Amino acid sequence: MSRGTARGLSCPYDLPLNWGKFMSAVYRFNANKIDGSFLEEIKDKFAGKNIKIVVSELDETEYLLSSEANKVKLINAIEDIKNRQNLIEVSLEDLLSAGES
């Protein structure tokens, strides 16, 4: 899927999809990144059209699994944990001393 950068935002978004006379755009980013330029982009992209804006919280697991590369890495990591292989062991002392530095 093509990715781009919304004007004024440094986060990825899906490019608009055209289905006949209908156009759809899905934006995924942290709510703290929304600013006036984002609203201006929506107004420019859908000028003169009636639109519906739906806001929903993105499930982190769904997001992480949406990339095939991430999905494979996560599944492999889960298998490694189940099989107790490719693990890095750290002592409690090392963790505590790392927090002090």
Protein backbone atom coordinates (compact mmCIF):
# COMPACT_ATOMS: atom_id res chain seq x y z
CA MET A 1 0.00 0.00 0.00
CA SER A 2 1.30 3.45 -0.83
CA ARG A 3 2.18 5.71 2.05
CA GLY A 4 2.64 9.46 2.20
CA THR A 5 2.96 12.31 4.64
CA ALA A 6 0.06 14.56 5.49
CA ARG A 7 0.85 18.25 5.14
CA GLY A 8 2.24 19.52 8.44
CA LEU A 9 2.28 16.04 10.01
CA SER A 10 5.22 13.72 10.23
CA CYS A 11 3.06 10.60 10.41
CA PRO A 12 2.10 8.19 7.63
CA TYR A 13 -1.34 8.00 6.10
CA ASP A 14 -2.95 5.84 3.47
CA LEU A 15 -3.40 7.54 0.14
CA PRO A 16 -7.00 8.14 -0.97
CA LEU A 17 -8.76 5.25 -2.66
CA ASN A 18 -11.07 5.98 -5.57
CA TRP A 19 -14.13 3.75 -6.06
CA GLY A 20 -16.05 5.22 -8.94
CA LYS A 21 -17.38 8.53 -7.70
CA PHE A 22 -16.49 7.88 -4.04
CA MET A 23 -13.17 8.70 -2.41
CA SER A 24 -11.93 7.51 0.94
CA ALA A 25 -8.83 8.36 2.98
CA VAL A 26 -7.66 6.67 6.18
CA TYR A 27 -5.27 8.56 8.47
CA ARG A 28 -3.42 6.84 11.29
CA PHE A 29 -1.45 8.89 13.79
CA ASN A 30 -1.32 10.09 17.37
CA ALA A 31 -4.11 12.54 18.26
CA ASN A 32 -1.50 15.00 19.60
CA LYS A 33 -0.31 15.49 15.99
CA ILE A 34 -3.63 16.96 14.80
CA ASP A 35 -3.35 20.63 13.95
CA GLY A 36 -4.96 23.22 11.70
CA SER A 37 -3.04 22.07 8.61
CA PHE A 38 -4.60 18.63 8.92
CA LEU A 39 -8.09 20.14 8.90
CA GLU A 40 -7.14 22.31 5.92
CA GLU A 41 -5.97 19.21 4.04
CA ILE A 42 -9.32 17.50 4.69
CA LYS A 43 -11.16 20.60 3.48
CA ASP A 44 -8.98 20.79 0.32
CA LYS A 45 -9.27 17.09 -0.47
CA PHE A 46 -13.05 16.92 -0.07
CA ALA A 47 -13.96 20.49 -1.08
CA GLY A 48 -17.69 20.97 -1.68
CA LYS A 49 -18.56 17.39 -0.67
CA ASN A 50 -20.53 16.10 2.30
CA ILE A 51 -18.19 14.00 4.41
CA LYS A 52 -18.34 11.73 7.42
CA ILE A 53 -15.49 11.80 9.94
CA VAL A 54 -15.14 8.75 12.17
CA VAL A 55 -12.61 8.74 14.99
CA SER A 56 -11.65 5.50 16.68
CA GLU A 57 -8.80 4.43 18.89
CA LEU A 58 -6.37 2.21 17.03
CA ASP A 59 -5.75 -1.14 18.66
CA GLU A 60 -1.96 -1.43 19.10
CA THR A 61 -1.95 -5.16 18.37
CA GLU A 62 -3.89 -4.64 15.15
CA TYR A 63 -1.47 -1.87 14.17
CA LEU A 64 1.62 -3.96 14.89
CA LEU A 65 0.23 -6.90 12.92
CA SER A 66 -0.80 -4.74 9.94
CA SER A 67 2.71 -4.90 8.49
CA GLU A 68 3.63 -8.36 7.17
CA ALA A 69 7.27 -7.86 8.24
CA ASN A 70 6.24 -6.90 11.80
CA LYS A 71 3.77 -9.78 11.94
CA VAL A 72 6.49 -12.31 11.05
CA LYS A 73 8.94 -10.83 13.59
CA LEU A 74 6.34 -10.86 16.37
CA ILE A 75 5.21 -14.43 15.65
CA ASN A 76 8.84 -15.58 15.58
CA ALA A 77 9.54 -13.78 18.87
CA ILE A 78 6.53 -15.48 20.49
CA GLU A 79 7.76 -18.86 19.26
CA ASP A 80 11.25 -18.11 20.61
CA ILE A 81 9.76 -17.37 24.03
CA LYS A 82 7.67 -20.55 23.98
CA ASN A 83 10.73 -22.60 22.99
CA ARG A 84 13.06 -20.67 25.33
CA GLN A 85 15.51 -19.91 22.52
CA ASN A 86 17.23 -16.71 21.36
CA LEU A 87 16.52 -15.12 24.74
CA ILE A 88 18.69 -12.57 26.50
CA GLU A 89 18.86 -13.13 30.23
CA VAL A 90 19.46 -10.18 32.53
CA SER A 91 19.89 -10.38 36.28
CA LEU A 92 17.82 -8.26 38.64
CA GLU A 93 21.03 -6.62 39.87
CA ASP A 94 21.91 -5.53 36.32
CA LEU A 95 18.42 -4.10 35.81
CA LEU A 96 18.55 -2.18 39.08
CA SER A 97 22.03 -0.81 38.43
CA ALA A 98 21.05 0.23 34.88
CA GLY A 99 18.22 2.30 36.34
CA GLU A 100 20.63 4.17 38.60
CA SER A 101 22.93 5.34 35.80
